Amino acid sequence: MKPAILIAVCAVAATAAERHPVAAVILKIDRPHRSFVASCQEIPGYMAAMAMPFAVRDEKALDGLEPGMQVDFTLVVEKERSYAESIRAHRYEPAEREPLLARRLQLLQDAEDPSLAAKTLKLGQAAPDFVLTDQTGGRVAFSQFAGKVVAMAFIYTSCPLPDYCIRLSNNLGRLNKRFAARMGRDLILLTITFDPVHDNPEVMAKYAARWKADAKSWRFLTGTLPEVKAVCRLFGLSFWQDEGWLTHSLHTIVIDRQGKLAANFEGNEFSAEQLGDFVAVEMERR
């Protein structure tokens, strides 16, 4: 190879950009600075999991992005700058029978009664008040948590699978530890069963004890079947009896201090750290 060609090849190699695939949860959008803040999963061999800002080259790349959205993108790292490109919403696509069947059944139900889908809260909409029963047997109104961030997950206590209900409960458990000093004052956790026939207050109390939950700040809620169905419908959760098992979708909800839906995380592919990063941002909003 001629010296001039060798120099040119080396120069190109020295300036070649690195490209890394990233899975993240959007925390903030900053259009004036053409950037967004996201909580990223680990990029093996390059970066630990963390929350950080990412620039985009064109403000239009931010179109359609919202806080709480799960996204995939490519992080481009050049010599003197970095930016995100090819940003796309990451829709939860379950391969497992249970959530996949739940989605199919939900589509059928929506087709039969379109009014059900219309009742599901959209981002930014205020959550209506509802009343359920907690693990102590007391009645709890959602409105009593006004002014606080609320994170909630839907489960049933006899679910045996570690990557379904148990994972969602563990995510709230991680929030409980991470924000221990702010629990009750700034943050409330709600675990809501969609199997109220079996999950009475006594059963919910035993389940709460597994997570060392303080009933003042982490409520485990049940109620009559109509009450529970109405709350599940608000947040797009679907469940059906299926040969003795409950087929269900997976949802984790964050409500902001104004009582509005800040995020509806579908599935189980986000991490407890990403959920915590999102909650941390919401707690700082006034």
Protein backbone atom coordinates (compact mmCIF):
# COMPACT_ATOMS: atom_id res chain seq x y z
CA MET A 1 0.00 0.00 0.00
CA LYS A 2 1.31 3.43 -0.96
CA PRO A 3 2.15 5.82 1.93
CA ALA A 4 -0.47 8.37 0.86
CA ILE A 5 -3.19 5.73 0.74
CA LEU A 6 -2.08 4.33 4.09
CA ILE A 7 -2.28 7.79 5.67
CA ALA A 8 -5.78 8.30 4.26
CA VAL A 9 -6.99 4.95 5.57
CA CYS A 10 -5.57 5.67 9.03
CA ALA A 11 -7.21 9.09 9.07
CA VAL A 12 -10.60 7.60 8.25
CA ALA A 13 -10.14 4.94 10.94
CA ALA A 14 -9.20 7.58 13.51
CA THR A 15 -12.32 9.62 12.83
CA ALA A 16 -14.83 6.76 12.39
CA ALA A 17 -17.80 7.15 14.71
CA GLU A 18 -18.75 4.48 17.24
CA ARG A 19 -22.34 3.28 17.14
CA HIS A 20 -24.08 1.61 20.07
CA PRO A 21 -27.66 0.28 20.30
CA VAL A 22 -29.50 1.70 23.32
CA ALA A 23 -32.70 0.68 25.12
CA ALA A 24 -34.04 3.49 27.28
CA VAL A 25 -36.97 5.19 28.98
CA ILE A 26 -37.57 8.86 28.15
CA LEU A 27 -37.50 11.10 31.23
CA LYS A 28 -37.61 14.63 29.75
CA ILE A 29 -37.85 16.32 26.37
CA ASP A 30 -35.86 19.54 25.84
CA ARG A 31 -36.78 20.92 22.42
CA PRO A 32 -34.97 24.29 22.79
CA HIS A 33 -31.68 22.41 23.22
CA ARG A 34 -32.58 19.63 20.77
CA SER A 35 -32.12 16.92 23.36
CA PHE A 36 -33.85 14.50 25.67
CA VAL A 37 -32.97 12.89 28.99
CA ALA A 38 -33.30 9.11 29.18
CA SER A 39 -32.63 6.31 31.62
CA CYS A 40 -30.57 3.76 29.70
CA GLN A 41 -29.92 0.13 30.23
CA GLU A 42 -26.27 -0.93 30.29
CA ILE A 43 -24.39 -0.68 27.00
CA PRO A 44 -22.05 -3.69 27.33
CA GLY A 45 -18.41 -2.73 27.03
CA TYR A 46 -19.15 0.98 26.84
CA MET A 47 -21.41 2.45 29.54
CA ALA A 48 -23.12 1.37 32.75
CA ALA A 49 -26.87 1.84 33.17
CA MET A 50 -27.56 5.50 33.94
CA ALA A 51 -29.77 8.51 33.28
CA MET A 52 -28.24 11.16 31.01
CA PRO A 53 -29.06 13.70 28.28
CA PHE A 54 -28.75 12.88 24.58
CA ALA A 55 -28.57 15.40 21.75
CA VAL A 56 -30.25 14.98 18.37
CA ARG A 57 -29.09 16.61 15.15
CA ASP A 58 -32.60 17.61 14.05
CA GLU A 59 -35.37 18.76 16.38
CA LYS A 60 -37.83 16.73 14.28
CA ALA A 61 -36.23 13.61 15.74
CA LEU A 62 -38.04 14.50 18.97
CA ASP A 63 -41.48 14.44 17.32
CA GLY A 64 -43.74 11.89 18.94
CA LEU A 65 -41.50 11.31 21.94
CA GLU A 66 -43.04 11.62 25.40
CA PRO A 67 -41.80 11.17 28.97
CA GLY A 68 -42.30 7.58 30.07
CA MET A 69 -41.97 6.20 26.56
CA GLN A 70 -39.73 3.17 26.09
CA VAL A 71 -37.47 3.67 23.07
CA ASP A 72 -34.63 2.11 21.13
CA PHE A 73 -32.05 4.27 19.36
CA THR A 74 -28.50 4.33 18.11
CA LEU A 75 -25.95 6.36 20.08
CA VAL A 76 -23.40 7.82 17.69
CA VAL A 77 -20.10 8.83 19.33
CA GLU A 78 -17.73 10.93 17.25
CA LYS A 79 -14.45 12.53 18.24
CA GLU A 80 -15.97 15.81 19.45
CA ARG A 81 -19.70 15.11 19.84
CA SER A 82 -22.32 12.44 20.36
CA TYR A 83 -25.98 12.22 19.39
CA ALA A 84 -28.94 9.86 19.17
CA GLU A 85 -30.33 8.77 15.84
CA SER A 86 -32.95 6.31 14.56
CA ILE A 87 -35.11 6.84 17.65
CA ARG A 88 -38.16 4.60 17.67
CA ALA A 89 -40.78 3.76 20.24
CA HIS A 90 -40.32 0.33 21.70
CA ARG A 91 -43.70 -1.37 21.79
CA TYR A 92 -43.89 -4.32 24.12
CA GLU A 93 -44.27 -7.46 22.00
CA PRO A 94 -44.70 -10.43 24.31
CA ALA A 95 -43.57 -13.83 23.11
CA GLU A 96 -44.95 -15.62 26.17
CA ARG A 97 -48.37 -17.22 25.86
CA GLU A 98 -49.98 -15.38 28.78
CA PRO A 99 -49.42 -11.71 27.86
CA LEU A 100 -49.66 -12.46 24.13
CA LEU A 101 -53.05 -14.11 24.61
CA ALA A 102 -54.12 -11.20 26.80
CA ARG A 103 -53.36 -8.76 23.99
CA ARG A 104 -55.31 -10.83 21.47
CA LEU A 105 -58.28 -11.09 23.81
CA GLN A 106 -58.09 -7.33 24.43
CA LEU A 107 -58.24 -6.63 20.69
CA LEU A 108 -61.31 -8.84 20.39
CA GLN A 109 -62.95 -7.13 23.36
CA ASP A 110 -62.21 -3.65 21.97
CA ALA A 111 -63.68 -4.67 18.62
CA GLU A 112 -66.86 -5.88 20.32
CA ASP A 113 -67.19 -2.78 22.53
CA PRO A 114 -65.12 0.23 21.32
CA SER A 115 -66.32 2.29 24.31
CA LEU A 116 -64.02 0.26 26.59
CA ALA A 117 -60.89 1.50 24.82
CA ALA A 118 -62.20 5.06 25.01
CA LYS A 119 -62.34 4.81 28.80
CA THR A 120 -58.62 4.06 29.09
CA LEU A 121 -56.67 7.09 30.36
CA LYS A 122 -54.29 8.80 27.96
CA LEU A 123 -51.06 10.48 29.02
CA GLY A 124 -51.76 13.83 30.66
CA GLN A 125 -55.35 13.00 31.55
CA ALA A 126 -56.45 13.26 35.17
CA ALA A 127 -57.17 9.98 36.93
CA PRO A 128 -60.70 9.90 38.35
CA ASP A 129 -61.15 9.06 42.00
CA PHE A 130 -61.75 5.45 42.97
CA VAL A 131 -62.10 3.60 46.27
CA LEU A 132 -60.67 0.17 47.13
CA THR A 133 -59.81 -1.77 50.30
CA ASP A 134 -56.23 -2.05 51.56
CA GLN A 135 -54.39 -4.80 53.43
CA THR A 136 -55.64 -3.51 56.79
CA GLY A 137 -59.28 -3.77 55.70
CA GLY A 138 -59.68 0.00 55.49
CA ARG A 139 -61.25 1.78 52.53
CA VAL A 140 -58.81 3.90 50.58
CA ALA A 141 -59.70 6.69 48.14
CA PHE A 142 -57.21 7.51 45.41
CA SER A 143 -57.95 11.21 45.95
CA GLN A 144 -56.31 11.12 49.38
CA PHE A 145 -52.91 10.95 47.67
CA ALA A 146 -53.33 14.31 45.91
CA GLY A 147 -50.07 16.23 45.65
CA LYS A 148 -47.93 13.08 45.73
CA VAL A 149 -46.46 10.90 42.99
CA VAL A 150 -48.17 7.52 42.86
CA ALA A 151 -46.64 4.39 41.31
CA MET A 152 -48.91 1.39 40.96
CA ALA A 153 -48.70 -2.14 39.59
CA PHE A 154 -51.39 -4.75 38.96
CA ILE A 155 -50.82 -8.33 40.14
CA TYR A 156 -52.47 -11.38 41.61
CA THR A 157 -50.81 -12.94 44.62
CA SER A 158 -50.83 -16.55 43.42
CA CYS A 159 -48.98 -15.75 40.19
CA PRO A 160 -46.02 -18.18 40.24
CA LEU A 161 -43.94 -16.69 37.43
CA PRO A 162 -40.87 -14.63 38.40
CA ASP A 163 -40.97 -12.44 35.29
CA TYR A 164 -44.64 -11.44 35.58
CA CYS A 165 -46.38 -10.28 38.77
CA ILE A 166 -43.39 -10.99 40.99
CA ARG A 167 -41.15 -8.79 38.84
CA LEU A 168 -43.65 -5.92 38.92
CA SER A 169 -43.92 -6.21 42.71
CA ASN A 170 -40.15 -6.33 42.99
CA ASN A 171 -39.92 -3.13 40.94
CA LEU A 172 -42.10 -1.36 43.50
CA GLY A 173 -40.02 -2.93 46.26
CA ARG A 174 -36.93 -1.36 44.72
CA LEU A 175 -38.69 2.01 44.68
CA ASN A 176 -39.57 1.54 48.33
CA LYS A 177 -35.89 1.06 49.19
CA ARG A 178 -34.48 3.70 46.86
CA PHE A 179 -36.83 6.43 48.07
CA ALA A 180 -37.21 5.29 51.68
CA ALA A 181 -36.76 8.81 53.01
CA ARG A 182 -39.53 10.17 50.78
CA MET A 183 -42.09 7.40 51.09
CA GLY A 184 -45.47 8.67 52.23
CA ARG A 185 -44.36 12.29 51.96
CA ASP A 186 -43.64 12.46 48.21
CA LEU A 187 -44.27 8.95 46.95
CA ILE A 188 -47.07 6.42 47.40
CA LEU A 189 -47.00 2.85 46.08
CA LEU A 190 -50.14 0.93 45.18
CA THR A 191 -50.27 -2.78 44.38
CA ILE A 192 -53.71 -3.67 43.02
CA THR A 193 -54.95 -7.23 42.63
CA PHE A 194 -57.11 -8.22 39.68
CA ASP A 195 -58.10 -11.44 41.48
CA PRO A 196 -60.25 -10.03 44.30
CA VAL A 197 -62.21 -13.29 44.62
CA HIS A 198 -59.13 -14.89 46.19
CA ASP A 199 -57.05 -11.84 47.17
CA ASN A 200 -59.02 -10.56 50.16
CA PRO A 201 -57.45 -8.09 52.63
CA GLU A 202 -55.98 -10.90 54.74
CA VAL A 203 -54.25 -12.44 51.71
CA MET A 204 -53.04 -9.02 50.61
CA ALA A 205 -51.63 -8.40 54.11
CA LYS A 206 -49.60 -11.60 53.90
CA TYR A 207 -48.37 -10.62 50.45
CA ALA A 208 -47.46 -7.14 51.69
CA ALA A 209 -45.41 -8.69 54.50
CA ARG A 210 -43.25 -10.42 51.89
CA TRP A 211 -42.17 -6.99 50.68
CA LYS A 212 -41.81 -5.44 54.15
CA ALA A 213 -44.35 -2.80 53.16
CA ASP A 214 -45.44 0.01 55.45
CA ALA A 215 -49.22 0.26 55.09
CA LYS A 216 -49.01 4.05 55.36
CA SER A 217 -47.04 4.42 52.16
CA TRP A 218 -47.45 1.14 50.24
CA ARG A 219 -51.05 0.00 49.95
CA PHE A 220 -52.08 -3.44 48.68
CA LEU A 221 -55.57 -2.97 47.32
CA THR A 222 -58.51 -5.23 46.60
CA GLY A 223 -62.27 -4.79 46.41
CA THR A 224 -65.35 -6.18 44.76
CA LEU A 225 -64.90 -7.56 41.26
CA PRO A 226 -66.80 -4.62 39.65
CA GLU A 227 -64.64 -2.13 41.60
CA VAL A 228 -61.43 -3.82 40.51
CA LYS A 229 -62.53 -4.16 36.88
CA ALA A 230 -63.37 -0.45 36.73
CA VAL A 231 -59.88 0.52 37.97
CA CYS A 232 -58.15 -1.94 35.65
CA ARG A 233 -60.11 -0.56 32.70
CA LEU A 234 -58.88 2.96 33.49
CA PHE A 235 -55.28 1.92 32.94
CA GLY A 236 -55.71 -0.54 30.07
CA LEU A 237 -55.14 -3.70 32.07
CA SER A 238 -56.98 -6.77 30.82
CA PHE A 239 -57.47 -10.12 32.51
CA TRP A 240 -59.49 -13.27 31.90
CA GLN A 241 -60.01 -16.62 33.55
CA ASP A 242 -58.35 -19.26 31.39
CA GLU A 243 -58.54 -22.92 32.42
CA GLY A 244 -58.06 -22.11 36.08
CA TRP A 245 -55.36 -19.47 35.44
CA LEU A 246 -55.57 -15.73 35.01
CA THR A 247 -54.46 -14.51 31.62
CA HIS A 248 -53.47 -10.85 31.91
CA SER A 249 -51.52 -7.96 30.47
CA LEU A 250 -48.73 -6.24 32.40
CA HIS A 251 -48.95 -2.56 33.39
CA THR A 252 -47.07 -0.28 35.77
CA ILE A 253 -48.53 3.21 36.20
CA VAL A 254 -47.07 6.52 37.37
CA ILE A 255 -49.41 9.36 38.35
CA ASP A 256 -47.91 12.83 38.82
CA ARG A 257 -48.49 15.29 41.67
CA GLN A 258 -51.42 16.86 39.79
CA GLY A 259 -53.17 13.49 39.60
CA LYS A 260 -52.50 13.06 35.87
CA LEU A 261 -51.22 9.98 34.08
CA ALA A 262 -47.48 10.48 33.62
CA ALA A 263 -46.59 7.02 32.32
CA ASN A 264 -48.16 3.66 31.55
CA PHE A 265 -45.34 1.14 31.27
CA GLU A 266 -46.55 -1.94 29.45
CA GLY A 267 -44.76 -5.25 29.87
CA ASN A 268 -41.71 -6.21 31.90
CA GLU A 269 -38.76 -5.16 29.73
CA PHE A 270 -37.90 -1.95 31.60
CA SER A 271 -35.70 -2.15 34.68
CA ALA A 272 -36.46 -1.14 38.25
CA GLU A 273 -33.71 1.49 37.90
CA GLN A 274 -35.40 3.02 34.85
CA LEU A 275 -38.72 3.12 36.65
CA GLY A 276 -36.98 4.73 39.63
CA ASP A 277 -35.30 7.33 37.43
CA PHE A 278 -38.68 8.27 35.97
CA VAL A 279 -40.28 8.51 39.42
CA ALA A 280 -37.37 10.65 40.64
CA VAL A 281 -37.98 13.16 37.85
CA GLU A 282 -41.71 13.28 38.61
CA MET A 283 -41.07 13.90 42.31
CA GLU A 284 -39.02 16.99 41.43
CA ARG A 285 -41.84 18.49 39.38
CA ARG A 286 -44.07 20.95 41.21
